[in-house]
Amino acid sequence: MARASKTTALTWEAVRRAALALPDVEEGTAHGFPAFRHKGNLFLGYRQNLGSIGVYTTFEQRDAMIAEDPETYFTTDHHRPYPWVLARLSTLQPSALSDLLQMGVRSAPQRKQKRKIKRG
């Protein structure tokens, strides 16, 4: 997900529209921040105070993305123990957004299904 030449910065509204265009995606909040879930599984959040989105991934993928493009991808001390990569909207290439969101959907942990109890 290397960056090409500088283009117009992405906005949260553009990210929001792209996320909502994915099948089975719901908009809501998580920890007080705007967030998106795919089939109930959290995969994307917006950190306005950081000017960034957080996308669920693996630790290995996150580290590779940060190594490849540290101007765009990063983590914080708070996020480091979790498999999330942060991406600055000011430098994230619009052409990378779709792949990034798909990665989040694929990587998000699946929620455990509640067992139905048969009665009677």
PDB file of N, CA and C in Angstrom:
ATOM      1  N   MET A   1       0.823  -1.177   0.000  1.00  0.00           N
ATOM      2  CA  MET A   1       0.000   0.000   0.000  1.00  0.00           C
ATOM      3  C   MET A   1       0.875   1.252   0.000  1.00  0.00           C
ATOM      4  N   ALA A   2       1.828   1.254  -0.883  1.00  0.00           N
ATOM      5  CA  ALA A   2       2.746   2.387  -0.971  1.00  0.00           C
ATOM      6  C   ALA A   2       2.022   3.617  -1.488  1.00  0.00           C
ATOM      7  N   ARG A   3       2.513   4.748  -1.064  1.00  0.00           N
ATOM      8  CA  ARG A   3       1.915   6.004  -1.493  1.00  0.00           C
ATOM      9  C   ARG A   3       2.535   6.460  -2.801  1.00  0.00           C
ATOM     10  N   ALA A   4       1.729   7.039  -3.623  1.00  0.00           N
ATOM     11  CA  ALA A   4       2.211   7.660  -4.858  1.00  0.00           C
ATOM     12  C   ALA A   4       2.371   9.145  -4.571  1.00  0.00           C
ATOM     13  N   SER A   5       2.254   9.960  -5.569  1.00  0.00           N
ATOM     14  CA  SER A   5       2.381  11.402  -5.364  1.00  0.00           C
ATOM     15  C   SER A   5       1.207  11.913  -4.534  1.00  0.00           C
ATOM     16  N   LYS A   6       1.411  13.039  -3.897  1.00  0.00           N
ATOM     17  CA  LYS A   6       0.401  13.642  -3.020  1.00  0.00           C
ATOM     18  C   LYS A   6      -0.841  14.011  -3.824  1.00  0.00           C
ATOM     19  N   THR A   7      -1.994  13.578  -3.309  1.00  0.00           N
ATOM     20  CA  THR A   7      -3.268  13.937  -3.916  1.00  0.00           C
ATOM     21  C   THR A   7      -4.125  14.587  -2.834  1.00  0.00           C
ATOM     22  N   THR A   8      -5.348  14.888  -3.162  1.00  0.00           N
ATOM     23  CA  THR A   8      -6.250  15.481  -2.196  1.00  0.00           C
ATOM     24  C   THR A   8      -6.438  14.528  -1.023  1.00  0.00           C
ATOM     25  N   ALA A   9      -6.371  15.072   0.192  1.00  0.00           N
ATOM     26  CA  ALA A   9      -6.518  14.260   1.394  1.00  0.00           C
ATOM     27  C   ALA A   9      -7.924  13.676   1.465  1.00  0.00           C
ATOM     28  N   LEU A  10      -8.000  12.464   1.973  1.00  0.00           N
ATOM     29  CA  LEU A  10      -9.290  11.840   2.207  1.00  0.00           C
ATOM     30  C   LEU A  10      -9.987  12.526   3.368  1.00  0.00           C
ATOM     31  N   THR A  11     -11.284  12.502   3.350  1.00  0.00           N
ATOM     32  CA  THR A  11     -12.063  13.013   4.467  1.00  0.00           C
ATOM     33  C   THR A  11     -12.731  11.839   5.165  1.00  0.00           C
ATOM     34  N   TRP A  12     -13.147  12.082   6.399  1.00  0.00           N
ATOM     35  CA  TRP A  12     -13.876  11.038   7.112  1.00  0.00           C
ATOM     36  C   TRP A  12     -15.165  10.705   6.366  1.00  0.00           C
ATOM     37  N   GLU A  13     -15.819  11.684   5.781  1.00  0.00           N
ATOM     38  CA  GLU A  13     -17.060  11.423   5.055  1.00  0.00           C
ATOM     39  C   GLU A  13     -16.816  10.488   3.870  1.00  0.00           C
ATOM     40  N   ALA A  14     -15.691  10.639   3.178  1.00  0.00           N
ATOM     41  CA  ALA A  14     -15.365   9.735   2.065  1.00  0.00           C
ATOM     42  C   ALA A  14     -15.120   8.319   2.583  1.00  0.00           C
ATOM     43  N   VAL A  15     -14.441   8.198   3.712  1.00  0.00           N
ATOM     44  CA  VAL A  15     -14.205   6.876   4.322  1.00  0.00           C
ATOM     45  C   VAL A  15     -15.541   6.271   4.741  1.00  0.00           C
ATOM     46  N   ARG A  16     -16.375   7.074   5.345  1.00  0.00           N
ATOM     47  CA  ARG A  16     -17.691   6.631   5.801  1.00  0.00           C
ATOM     48  C   ARG A  16     -18.520   6.090   4.635  1.00  0.00           C
ATOM     49  N   ARG A  17     -18.551   6.831   3.538  1.00  0.00           N
ATOM     50  CA  ARG A  17     -19.309   6.385   2.353  1.00  0.00           C
ATOM     51  C   ARG A  17     -18.750   5.065   1.811  1.00  0.00           C
ATOM     52  N   ALA A  18     -17.429   4.948   1.779  1.00  0.00           N
ATOM     53  CA  ALA A  18     -16.805   3.715   1.280  1.00  0.00           C
ATOM     54  C   ALA A  18     -17.130   2.534   2.186  1.00  0.00           C
ATOM     55  N   ALA A  19     -17.114   2.755   3.498  1.00  0.00           N
ATOM     56  CA  ALA A  19     -17.436   1.676   4.431  1.00  0.00           C
ATOM     57  C   ALA A  19     -18.893   1.244   4.290  1.00  0.00           C
ATOM     58  N   LEU A  20     -19.788   2.215   4.173  1.00  0.00           N
ATOM     59  CA  LEU A  20     -21.211   1.892   4.055  1.00  0.00           C
ATOM     60  C   LEU A  20     -21.556   1.223   2.731  1.00  0.00           C
ATOM     61  N   ALA A  21     -20.701   1.369   1.739  1.00  0.00           N
ATOM     62  CA  ALA A  21     -20.930   0.718   0.447  1.00  0.00           C
ATOM     63  C   ALA A  21     -20.610  -0.778   0.497  1.00  0.00           C
ATOM     64  N   LEU A  22     -19.899  -1.212   1.531  1.00  0.00           N
ATOM     65  CA  LEU A  22     -19.579  -2.634   1.674  1.00  0.00           C
ATOM     66  C   LEU A  22     -20.817  -3.391   2.148  1.00  0.00           C
ATOM     67  N   PRO A  23     -20.961  -4.634   1.697  1.00  0.00           N
ATOM     68  CA  PRO A  23     -22.125  -5.411   2.147  1.00  0.00           C
ATOM     69  C   PRO A  23     -22.029  -5.754   3.634  1.00  0.00           C
ATOM     70  N   ASP A  24     -23.174  -5.796   4.287  1.00  0.00           N
ATOM     71  CA  ASP A  24     -23.290  -6.229   5.683  1.00  0.00           C
ATOM     72  C   ASP A  24     -22.532  -5.347   6.672  1.00  0.00           C
ATOM     73  N   VAL A  25     -22.393  -4.059   6.356  1.00  0.00           N
ATOM     74  CA  VAL A  25     -21.696  -3.125   7.243  1.00  0.00           C
ATOM     75  C   VAL A  25     -22.706  -2.221   7.931  1.00  0.00           C
ATOM     76  N   GLU A  26     -22.499  -2.034   9.236  1.00  0.00           N
ATOM     77  CA  GLU A  26     -23.355  -1.173  10.041  1.00  0.00           C
ATOM     78  C   GLU A  26     -22.521  -0.067  10.656  1.00  0.00           C
ATOM     79  N   GLU A  27     -23.099   1.114  10.736  1.00  0.00           N
ATOM     80  CA  GLU A  27     -22.442   2.250  11.349  1.00  0.00           C
ATOM     81  C   GLU A  27     -22.886   2.368  12.800  1.00  0.00           C
ATOM     82  N   GLY A  28     -21.974   2.742  13.675  1.00  0.00           N
ATOM     83  CA  GLY A  28     -22.304   2.925  15.081  1.00  0.00           C
ATOM     84  C   GLY A  28     -21.153   3.616  15.788  1.00  0.00           C
ATOM     85  N   THR A  29     -20.945   3.258  17.035  1.00  0.00           N
ATOM     86  CA  THR A  29     -19.837   3.799  17.809  1.00  0.00           C
ATOM     87  C   THR A  29     -19.147   2.669  18.561  1.00  0.00           C
ATOM     88  N   ALA A  30     -17.920   2.934  18.965  1.00  0.00           N
ATOM     89  CA  ALA A  30     -17.154   2.030  19.823  1.00  0.00           C
ATOM     90  C   ALA A  30     -16.266   2.905  20.697  1.00  0.00           C
ATOM     91  N   HIS A  31     -16.371   2.730  21.988  1.00  0.00           N
ATOM     92  CA  HIS A  31     -15.582   3.527  22.930  1.00  0.00           C
ATOM     93  C   HIS A  31     -15.796   5.027  22.720  1.00  0.00           C
ATOM     94  N   GLY A  32     -16.999   5.393  22.289  1.00  0.00           N
ATOM     95  CA  GLY A  32     -17.334   6.792  22.090  1.00  0.00           C
ATOM     96  C   GLY A  32     -16.907   7.385  20.759  1.00  0.00           C
ATOM     97  N   PHE A  33     -16.333   6.580  19.885  1.00  0.00           N
ATOM     98  CA  PHE A  33     -15.862   7.058  18.577  1.00  0.00           C
ATOM     99  C   PHE A  33     -16.725   6.468  17.465  1.00  0.00           C
ATOM    100  N   PRO A  34     -16.876   7.200  16.348  1.00  0.00           N
ATOM    101  CA  PRO A  34     -17.573   6.618  15.198  1.00  0.00           C
ATOM    102  C   PRO A  34     -16.878   5.328  14.766  1.00  0.00           C
ATOM    103  N   ALA A  35     -17.672   4.309  14.436  1.00  0.00           N
ATOM    104  CA  ALA A  35     -17.095   3.011  14.102  1.00  0.00           C
ATOM    105  C   ALA A  35     -18.009   2.247  13.153  1.00  0.00           C
ATOM    106  N   PHE A  36     -17.455   1.210  12.552  1.00  0.00           N
ATOM    107  CA  PHE A  36     -18.201   0.357  11.634  1.00  0.00           C
ATOM    108  C   PHE A  36     -17.950  -1.098  11.974  1.00  0.00           C
ATOM    109  N   ARG A  37     -19.022  -1.870  11.804  1.00  0.00           N
ATOM    110  CA  ARG A  37     -18.956  -3.309  12.041  1.00  0.00           C
ATOM    111  C   ARG A  37     -19.432  -4.037  10.792  1.00  0.00           C
ATOM    112  N   HIS A  38     -18.794  -5.160  10.536  1.00  0.00           N
ATOM    113  CA  HIS A  38     -19.208  -6.050   9.454  1.00  0.00           C
ATOM    114  C   HIS A  38     -19.782  -7.295  10.105  1.00  0.00           C
ATOM    115  N   LYS A  39     -21.066  -7.535   9.894  1.00  0.00           N
ATOM    116  CA  LYS A  39     -21.765  -8.653  10.528  1.00  0.00           C
ATOM    117  C   LYS A  39     -21.527  -8.653  12.035  1.00  0.00           C
ATOM    118  N   GLY A  40     -21.525  -7.463  12.611  1.00  0.00           N
ATOM    119  CA  GLY A  40     -21.362  -7.313  14.052  1.00  0.00           C
ATOM    120  C   GLY A  40     -19.929  -7.251  14.549  1.00  0.00           C
ATOM    121  N   ASN A  41     -18.959  -7.387  13.649  1.00  0.00           N
ATOM    122  CA  ASN A  41     -17.547  -7.421  14.034  1.00  0.00           C
ATOM    123  C   ASN A  41     -16.877  -6.081  13.742  1.00  0.00           C
ATOM    124  N   LEU A  42     -16.365  -5.445  14.777  1.00  0.00           N
ATOM    125  CA  LEU A  42     -15.722  -4.147  14.653  1.00  0.00           C
ATOM    126  C   LEU A  42     -14.489  -4.246  13.750  1.00  0.00           C
ATOM    127  N   PHE A  43     -14.409  -3.373  12.727  1.00  0.00           N
ATOM    128  CA  PHE A  43     -13.252  -3.392  11.838  1.00  0.00           C
ATOM    129  C   PHE A  43     -12.697  -2.003  11.513  1.00  0.00           C
ATOM    130  N   LEU A  44     -13.434  -0.935  11.835  1.00  0.00           N
ATOM    131  CA  LEU A  44     -13.016   0.407  11.446  1.00  0.00           C
ATOM    132  C   LEU A  44     -13.503   1.417  12.465  1.00  0.00           C
ATOM    133  N   GLY A  45     -12.623   2.327  12.831  1.00  0.00           N
ATOM    134  CA  GLY A  45     -13.004   3.409  13.721  1.00  0.00           C
ATOM    135  C   GLY A  45     -12.352   4.707  13.285  1.00  0.00           C
ATOM    136  N   TYR A  46     -12.911   5.813  13.743  1.00  0.00           N
ATOM    137  CA  TYR A  46     -12.399   7.138  13.387  1.00  0.00           C
ATOM    138  C   TYR A  46     -11.920   7.832  14.644  1.00  0.00           C
ATOM    139  N   ARG A  47     -10.676   8.262  14.622  1.00  0.00           N
ATOM    140  CA  ARG A  47     -10.096   9.018  15.723  1.00  0.00           C
ATOM    141  C   ARG A  47      -9.862  10.436  15.247  1.00  0.00           C
ATOM    142  N   GLN A  48     -10.888  11.278  15.413  1.00  0.00           N
ATOM    143  CA  GLN A  48     -10.802  12.653  14.930  1.00  0.00           C
ATOM    144  C   GLN A  48      -9.635  13.389  15.573  1.00  0.00           C
ATOM    145  N   ASN A  49      -9.387  13.127  16.866  1.00  0.00           N
ATOM    146  CA  ASN A  49      -8.300  13.807  17.566  1.00  0.00           C
ATOM    147  C   ASN A  49      -6.932  13.463  16.972  1.00  0.00           C
ATOM    148  N   LEU A  50      -6.833  12.350  16.272  1.00  0.00           N
ATOM    149  CA  LEU A  50      -5.590  11.946  15.611  1.00  0.00           C
ATOM    150  C   LEU A  50      -5.633  12.209  14.110  1.00  0.00           C
ATOM    151  N   GLY A  51      -6.790  12.623  13.588  1.00  0.00           N
ATOM    152  CA  GLY A  51      -6.941  12.807  12.145  1.00  0.00           C
ATOM    153  C   GLY A  51      -6.738  11.507  11.392  1.00  0.00           C
ATOM    154  N   SER A  52      -7.165  10.408  12.019  1.00  0.00           N
ATOM    155  CA  SER A  52      -6.845   9.086  11.492  1.00  0.00           C
ATOM    156  C   SER A  52      -8.003   8.110  11.638  1.00  0.00           C
ATOM    157  N   ILE A  53      -7.924   7.072  10.836  1.00  0.00           N
ATOM    158  CA  ILE A  53      -8.822   5.932  11.002  1.00  0.00           C
ATOM    159  C   ILE A  53      -8.006   4.788  11.595  1.00  0.00           C
ATOM    160  N   GLY A  54      -8.690   3.948  12.332  1.00  0.00           N
ATOM    161  CA  GLY A  54      -8.084   2.724  12.846  1.00  0.00           C
ATOM    162  C   GLY A  54      -8.728   1.556  12.139  1.00  0.00           C
ATOM    163  N   VAL A  55      -7.903   0.640  11.645  1.00  0.00           N
ATOM    164  CA  VAL A  55      -8.398  -0.508  10.901  1.00  0.00           C
ATOM    165  C   VAL A  55      -7.851  -1.778  11.540  1.00  0.00           C
ATOM    166  N   TYR A  56      -8.748  -2.736  11.772  1.00  0.00           N
ATOM    167  CA  TYR A  56      -8.336  -4.003  12.363  1.00  0.00           C
ATOM    168  C   TYR A  56      -7.464  -4.761  11.378  1.00  0.00           C
ATOM    169  N   THR A  57      -6.387  -5.354  11.879  1.00  0.00           N
ATOM    170  CA  THR A  57      -5.455  -6.096  11.044  1.00  0.00           C
ATOM    171  C   THR A  57      -4.752  -7.126  11.917  1.00  0.00           C
ATOM    172  N   THR A  58      -3.651  -7.656  11.454  1.00  0.00           N
ATOM    173  CA  THR A  58      -2.804  -8.501  12.288  1.00  0.00           C
ATOM    174  C   THR A  58      -1.616  -7.670  12.746  1.00  0.00           C
ATOM    175  N   PHE A  59      -0.949  -8.121  13.789  1.00  0.00           N
ATOM    176  CA  PHE A  59       0.245  -7.405  14.232  1.00  0.00           C
ATOM    177  C   PHE A  59       1.304  -7.374  13.129  1.00  0.00           C
ATOM    178  N   GLU A  60       1.446  -8.489  12.423  1.00  0.00           N
ATOM    179  CA  GLU A  60       2.452  -8.582  11.368  1.00  0.00           C
ATOM    180  C   GLU A  60       2.147  -7.616  10.225  1.00  0.00           C
ATOM    181  N   GLN A  61       0.887  -7.572   9.806  1.00  0.00           N
ATOM    182  CA  GLN A  61       0.503  -6.671   8.718  1.00  0.00           C
ATOM    183  C   GLN A  61       0.675  -5.218   9.142  1.00  0.00           C
ATOM    184  N   ARG A  62       0.269  -4.907  10.372  1.00  0.00           N
ATOM    185  CA  ARG A  62       0.424  -3.539  10.878  1.00  0.00           C
ATOM    186  C   ARG A  62       1.890  -3.121  10.828  1.00  0.00           C
ATOM    187  N   ASP A  63       2.770  -3.969  11.348  1.00  0.00           N
ATOM    188  CA  ASP A  63       4.196  -3.630  11.384  1.00  0.00           C
ATOM    189  C   ASP A  63       4.762  -3.453   9.983  1.00  0.00           C
ATOM    190  N   ALA A  64       4.325  -4.287   9.038  1.00  0.00           N
ATOM    191  CA  ALA A  64       4.803  -4.172   7.657  1.00  0.00           C
ATOM    192  C   ALA A  64       4.314  -2.870   7.027  1.00  0.00           C
ATOM    193  N   MET A  65       3.080  -2.498   7.287  1.00  0.00           N
ATOM    194  CA  MET A  65       2.531  -1.259   6.726  1.00  0.00           C
ATOM    195  C   MET A  65       3.260  -0.040   7.284  1.00  0.00           C
ATOM    196  N   ILE A  66       3.526  -0.051   8.575  1.00  0.00           N
ATOM    197  CA  ILE A  66       4.244   1.063   9.190  1.00  0.00           C
ATOM    198  C   ILE A  66       5.658   1.158   8.629  1.00  0.00           C
ATOM    199  N   ALA A  67       6.319   0.021   8.460  1.00  0.00           N
ATOM    200  CA  ALA A  67       7.680   0.019   7.908  1.00  0.00           C
ATOM    201  C   ALA A  67       7.691   0.539   6.472  1.00  0.00           C
ATOM    202  N   GLU A  68       6.663   0.192   5.693  1.00  0.00           N
ATOM    203  CA  GLU A  68       6.602   0.589   4.287  1.00  0.00           C
ATOM    204  C   GLU A  68       6.254   2.064   4.111  1.00  0.00           C
ATOM    205  N   ASP A  69       5.354   2.585   4.960  1.00  0.00           N
ATOM    206  CA  ASP A  69       4.890   3.961   4.783  1.00  0.00           C
ATOM    207  C   ASP A  69       4.592   4.616   6.138  1.00  0.00           C
ATOM    208  N   PRO A  70       5.631   4.974   6.881  1.00  0.00           N
ATOM    209  CA  PRO A  70       5.424   5.535   8.220  1.00  0.00           C
ATOM    210  C   PRO A  70       4.781   6.924   8.231  1.00  0.00           C
ATOM    211  N   GLU A  71       4.756   7.607   7.089  1.00  0.00           N
ATOM    212  CA  GLU A  71       4.057   8.895   7.028  1.00  0.00           C
ATOM    213  C   GLU A  71       2.544   8.704   7.090  1.00  0.00           C
ATOM    214  N   THR A  72       2.081   7.558   6.642  1.00  0.00           N
ATOM    215  CA  THR A  72       0.649   7.270   6.607  1.00  0.00           C
ATOM    216  C   THR A  72       0.226   6.361   7.746  1.00  0.00           C
ATOM    217  N   TYR A  73       0.938   5.252   7.928  1.00  0.00           N
ATOM    218  CA  TYR A  73       0.521   4.237   8.895  1.00  0.00           C
ATOM    219  C   TYR A  73       1.344   4.357  10.171  1.00  0.00           C
ATOM    220  N   PHE A  74       0.659   4.197  11.310  1.00  0.00           N
ATOM    221  CA  PHE A  74       1.346   4.323  12.589  1.00  0.00           C
ATOM    222  C   PHE A  74       0.538   3.647  13.679  1.00  0.00           C
ATOM    223  N   THR A  75       1.077   3.646  14.885  1.00  0.00           N
ATOM    224  CA  THR A  75       0.362   3.201  16.062  1.00  0.00           C
ATOM    225  C   THR A  75       0.705   4.162  17.190  1.00  0.00           C
ATOM    226  N   THR A  76       0.069   3.988  18.303  1.00  0.00           N
ATOM    227  CA  THR A  76       0.353   4.790  19.493  1.00  0.00           C
ATOM    228  C   THR A  76       0.626   3.834  20.641  1.00  0.00           C
ATOM    229  N   ASP A  77       1.125   4.349  21.740  1.00  0.00           N
ATOM    230  CA  ASP A  77       1.348   3.495  22.910  1.00  0.00           C
ATOM    231  C   ASP A  77       0.043   2.827  23.338  1.00  0.00           C
ATOM    232  N   HIS A  78      -1.059   3.566  23.261  1.00  0.00           N
ATOM    233  CA  HIS A  78      -2.353   3.000  23.628  1.00  0.00           C
ATOM    234  C   HIS A  78      -2.766   1.861  22.691  1.00  0.00           C
ATOM    235  N   HIS A  79      -2.553   2.028  21.390  1.00  0.00           N
ATOM    236  CA  HIS A  79      -3.004   1.044  20.400  1.00  0.00           C
ATOM    237  C   HIS A  79      -2.018  -0.112  20.199  1.00  0.00           C
ATOM    238  N   ARG A  80      -0.772   0.058  20.598  1.00  0.00           N
ATOM    239  CA  ARG A  80       0.276  -0.940  20.324  1.00  0.00           C
ATOM    240  C   ARG A  80      -0.084  -2.367  20.758  1.00  0.00           C
ATOM    241  N   PRO A  81      -0.736  -2.575  21.916  1.00  0.00           N
ATOM    242  CA  PRO A  81      -1.044  -3.960  22.318  1.00  0.00           C
ATOM    243  C   PRO A  81      -2.186  -4.606  21.533  1.00  0.00           C
ATOM    244  N   TYR A  82      -2.805  -3.869  20.649  1.00  0.00           N
ATOM    245  CA  TYR A  82      -3.967  -4.358  19.909  1.00  0.00           C
ATOM    246  C   TYR A  82      -3.656  -4.442  18.416  1.00  0.00           C
ATOM    247  N   PRO A  83      -4.295  -5.386  17.709  1.00  0.00           N
ATOM    248  CA  PRO A  83      -4.018  -5.553  16.271  1.00  0.00           C
ATOM    249  C   PRO A  83      -4.774  -4.544  15.408  1.00  0.00           C
ATOM    250  N   TRP A  84      -4.457  -3.274  15.593  1.00  0.00           N
ATOM    251  CA  TRP A  84      -5.046  -2.187  14.813  1.00  0.00           C
ATOM    252  C   TRP A  84      -3.927  -1.363  14.213  1.00  0.00           C
ATOM    253  N   VAL A  85      -4.127  -0.904  12.990  1.00  0.00           N
ATOM    254  CA  VAL A  85      -3.203   0.057  12.387  1.00  0.00           C
ATOM    255  C   VAL A  85      -3.957   1.372  12.240  1.00  0.00           C
ATOM    256  N   LEU A  86      -3.281   2.453  12.526  1.00  0.00           N
ATOM    257  CA  LEU A  86      -3.846   3.783  12.327  1.00  0.00           C
ATOM    258  C   LEU A  86      -3.338   4.334  11.010  1.00  0.00           C
ATOM    259  N   ALA A  87      -4.200   5.032  10.294  1.00  0.00           N
ATOM    260  CA  ALA A  87      -3.837   5.608   8.998  1.00  0.00           C
ATOM    261  C   ALA A  87      -4.245   7.081   8.977  1.00  0.00           C
ATOM    262  N   ARG A  88      -3.270   7.954   8.724  1.00  0.00           N
ATOM    263  CA  ARG A  88      -3.542   9.390   8.651  1.00  0.00           C
ATOM    264  C   ARG A  88      -4.335   9.709   7.384  1.00  0.00           C
ATOM    265  N   LEU A  89      -5.489  10.347   7.561  1.00  0.00           N
ATOM    266  CA  LEU A  89      -6.296  10.705   6.400  1.00  0.00           C
ATOM    267  C   LEU A  89      -5.578  11.712   5.510  1.00  0.00           C
ATOM    268  N   SER A  90      -4.709  12.513   6.092  1.00  0.00           N
ATOM    269  CA  SER A  90      -4.010  13.546   5.312  1.00  0.00           C
ATOM    270  C   SER A  90      -3.023  12.963   4.306  1.00  0.00           C
ATOM    271  N   THR A  91      -2.571  11.731   4.523  1.00  0.00           N
ATOM    272  CA  THR A  91      -1.595  11.129   3.604  1.00  0.00           C
ATOM    273  C   THR A  91      -2.059   9.804   2.998  1.00  0.00           C
ATOM    274  N   LEU A  92      -3.179   9.266   3.470  1.00  0.00           N
ATOM    275  CA  LEU A  92      -3.692   8.015   2.918  1.00  0.00           C
ATOM    276  C   LEU A  92      -4.171   8.242   1.492  1.00  0.00           C
ATOM    277  N   GLN A  93      -3.672   7.444   0.588  1.00  0.00           N
ATOM    278  CA  GLN A  93      -4.067   7.561  -0.817  1.00  0.00           C
ATOM    279  C   GLN A  93      -5.482   7.030  -1.023  1.00  0.00           C
ATOM    280  N   PRO A  94      -6.328   7.791  -1.699  1.00  0.00           N
ATOM    281  CA  PRO A  94      -7.684   7.306  -1.967  1.00  0.00           C
ATOM    282  C   PRO A  94      -7.697   5.939  -2.634  1.00  0.00           C
ATOM    283  N   SER A  95      -6.714   5.662  -3.475  1.00  0.00           N
ATOM    284  CA  SER A  95      -6.652   4.370  -4.166  1.00  0.00           C
ATOM    285  C   SER A  95      -6.383   3.206  -3.215  1.00  0.00           C
ATOM    286  N   ALA A  96      -5.885   3.476  -2.009  1.00  0.00           N
ATOM    287  CA  ALA A  96      -5.590   2.422  -1.037  1.00  0.00           C
ATOM    288  C   ALA A  96      -6.774   2.141  -0.113  1.00  0.00           C
ATOM    289  N   LEU A  97      -7.769   3.016  -0.107  1.00  0.00           N
ATOM    290  CA  LEU A  97      -8.854   2.902   0.851  1.00  0.00           C
ATOM    291  C   LEU A  97      -9.638   1.599   0.732  1.00  0.00           C
ATOM    292  N   SER A  98     -10.011   1.219  -0.461  1.00  0.00           N
ATOM    293  CA  SER A  98     -10.807   0.004  -0.638  1.00  0.00           C
ATOM    294  C   SER A  98     -10.068  -1.220  -0.100  1.00  0.00           C
ATOM    295  N   ASP A  99      -8.806  -1.372  -0.445  1.00  0.00           N
ATOM    296  CA  ASP A  99      -8.017  -2.509   0.049  1.00  0.00           C
ATOM    297  C   ASP A  99      -7.892  -2.475   1.568  1.00  0.00           C
ATOM    298  N   LEU A 100      -7.713  -1.291   2.112  1.00  0.00           N
ATOM    299  CA  LEU A 100      -7.579  -1.142   3.558  1.00  0.00           C
ATOM    300  C   LEU A 100      -8.865  -1.573   4.271  1.00  0.00           C
ATOM    301  N   LEU A 101     -10.001  -1.140   3.769  1.00  0.00           N
ATOM    302  CA  LEU A 101     -11.276  -1.522   4.376  1.00  0.00           C
ATOM    303  C   LEU A 101     -11.526  -3.021   4.237  1.00  0.00           C
ATOM    304  N   GLN A 102     -11.207  -3.575   3.073  1.00  0.00           N
ATOM    305  CA  GLN A 102     -11.371  -5.021   2.881  1.00  0.00           C
ATOM    306  C   GLN A 102     -10.475  -5.803   3.835  1.00  0.00           C
ATOM    307  N   MET A 103      -9.262  -5.323   4.059  1.00  0.00           N
ATOM    308  CA  MET A 103      -8.351  -5.961   5.007  1.00  0.00           C
ATOM    309  C   MET A 103      -8.980  -5.962   6.395  1.00  0.00           C
ATOM    310  N   GLY A 104      -9.577  -4.840   6.785  1.00  0.00           N
ATOM    311  CA  GLY A 104     -10.224  -4.753   8.083  1.00  0.00           C
ATOM    312  C   GLY A 104     -11.366  -5.742   8.227  1.00  0.00           C
ATOM    313  N   VAL A 105     -12.184  -5.847   7.207  1.00  0.00           N
ATOM    314  CA  VAL A 105     -13.307  -6.785   7.227  1.00  0.00           C
ATOM    315  C   VAL A 105     -12.790  -8.217   7.365  1.00  0.00           C
ATOM    316  N   ARG A 106     -11.778  -8.579   6.587  1.00  0.00           N
ATOM    317  CA  ARG A 106     -11.230  -9.940   6.633  1.00  0.00           C
ATOM    318  C   ARG A 106     -10.548 -10.246   7.961  1.00  0.00           C
ATOM    319  N   SER A 107      -9.892  -9.267   8.543  1.00  0.00           N
ATOM    320  CA  SER A 107      -9.095  -9.484   9.750  1.00  0.00           C
ATOM    321  C   SER A 107      -9.896  -9.438  11.043  1.00  0.00           C
ATOM    322  N   ALA A 108     -11.032  -8.761  11.039  1.00  0.00           N
ATOM    323  CA  ALA A 108     -11.797  -8.576  12.274  1.00  0.00           C
ATOM    324  C   ALA A 108     -12.176  -9.916  12.878  1.00  0.00           C
ATOM    325  N   PRO A 109     -12.015 -10.041  14.186  1.00  0.00           N
ATOM    326  CA  PRO A 109     -12.369 -11.309  14.829  1.00  0.00           C
ATOM    327  C   PRO A 109     -13.865 -11.561  14.733  1.00  0.00           C
ATOM    328  N   GLN A 110     -14.206 -12.794  14.522  1.00  0.00           N
ATOM    329  CA  GLN A 110     -15.619 -13.155  14.416  1.00  0.00           C
ATOM    330  C   GLN A 110     -16.219 -13.256  15.807  1.00  0.00           C
ATOM    331  N   ARG A 111     -17.382 -12.674  15.971  1.00  0.00           N
ATOM    332  CA  ARG A 111     -18.078 -12.760  17.257  1.00  0.00           C
ATOM    333  C   ARG A 111     -18.563 -14.177  17.475  1.00  0.00           C
ATOM    334  N   LYS A 112     -18.508 -14.602  18.705  1.00  0.00           N
ATOM    335  CA  LYS A 112     -19.005 -15.929  19.048  1.00  0.00           C
ATOM    336  C   LYS A 112     -20.527 -15.914  18.989  1.00  0.00           C
ATOM    337  N   GLN A 113     -21.063 -16.930  18.376  1.00  0.00           N
ATOM    338  CA  GLN A 113     -22.507 -17.045  18.295  1.00  0.00           C
ATOM    339  C   GLN A 113     -23.045 -17.508  19.645  1.00  0.00           C
ATOM    340  N   LYS A 114     -24.134 -16.887  20.077  1.00  0.00           N
ATOM    341  CA  LYS A 114     -24.767 -17.306  21.325  1.00  0.00           C
ATOM    342  C   LYS A 114     -25.484 -18.612  21.077  1.00  0.00           C
ATOM    343  N   ARG A 115     -25.331 -19.508  22.025  1.00  0.00           N
ATOM    344  CA  ARG A 115     -26.027 -20.789  21.921  1.00  0.00           C
ATOM    345  C   ARG A 115     -27.497 -20.599  22.228  1.00  0.00           C
ATOM    346  N   LYS A 116     -28.305 -21.208  21.416  1.00  0.00           N
ATOM    347  CA  LYS A 116     -29.734 -21.173  21.690  1.00  0.00           C
ATOM    348  C   LYS A 116     -30.064 -22.336  22.603  1.00  0.00           C
ATOM    349  N   ILE A 117     -30.767 -22.037  23.656  1.00  0.00           N
ATOM    350  CA  ILE A 117     -31.145 -23.069  24.614  1.00  0.00           C
ATOM    351  C   ILE A 117     -32.534 -23.564  24.275  1.00  0.00           C
ATOM    352  N   LYS A 118     -32.615 -24.876  24.079  1.00  0.00           N
ATOM    353  CA  LYS A 118     -33.923 -25.464  23.804  1.00  0.00           C
ATOM    354  C   LYS A 118     -34.650 -25.650  25.116  1.00  0.00           C
ATOM    355  N   ARG A 119     -35.848 -25.234  25.127  1.00  0.00           N
ATOM    356  CA  ARG A 119     -36.675 -25.392  26.334  1.00  0.00           C
ATOM    357  C   ARG A 119     -37.855 -26.306  26.017  1.00  0.00           C
ATOM    358  N   GLY A 120     -38.191 -27.093  27.014  1.00  0.00           N
ATOM    359  CA  GLY A 120     -39.394 -27.903  26.892  1.00  0.00           C
ATOM    360  C   GLY A 120     -39.132 -29.175  26.317  1.00  0.00           C
TER     361      GLY A 120
END
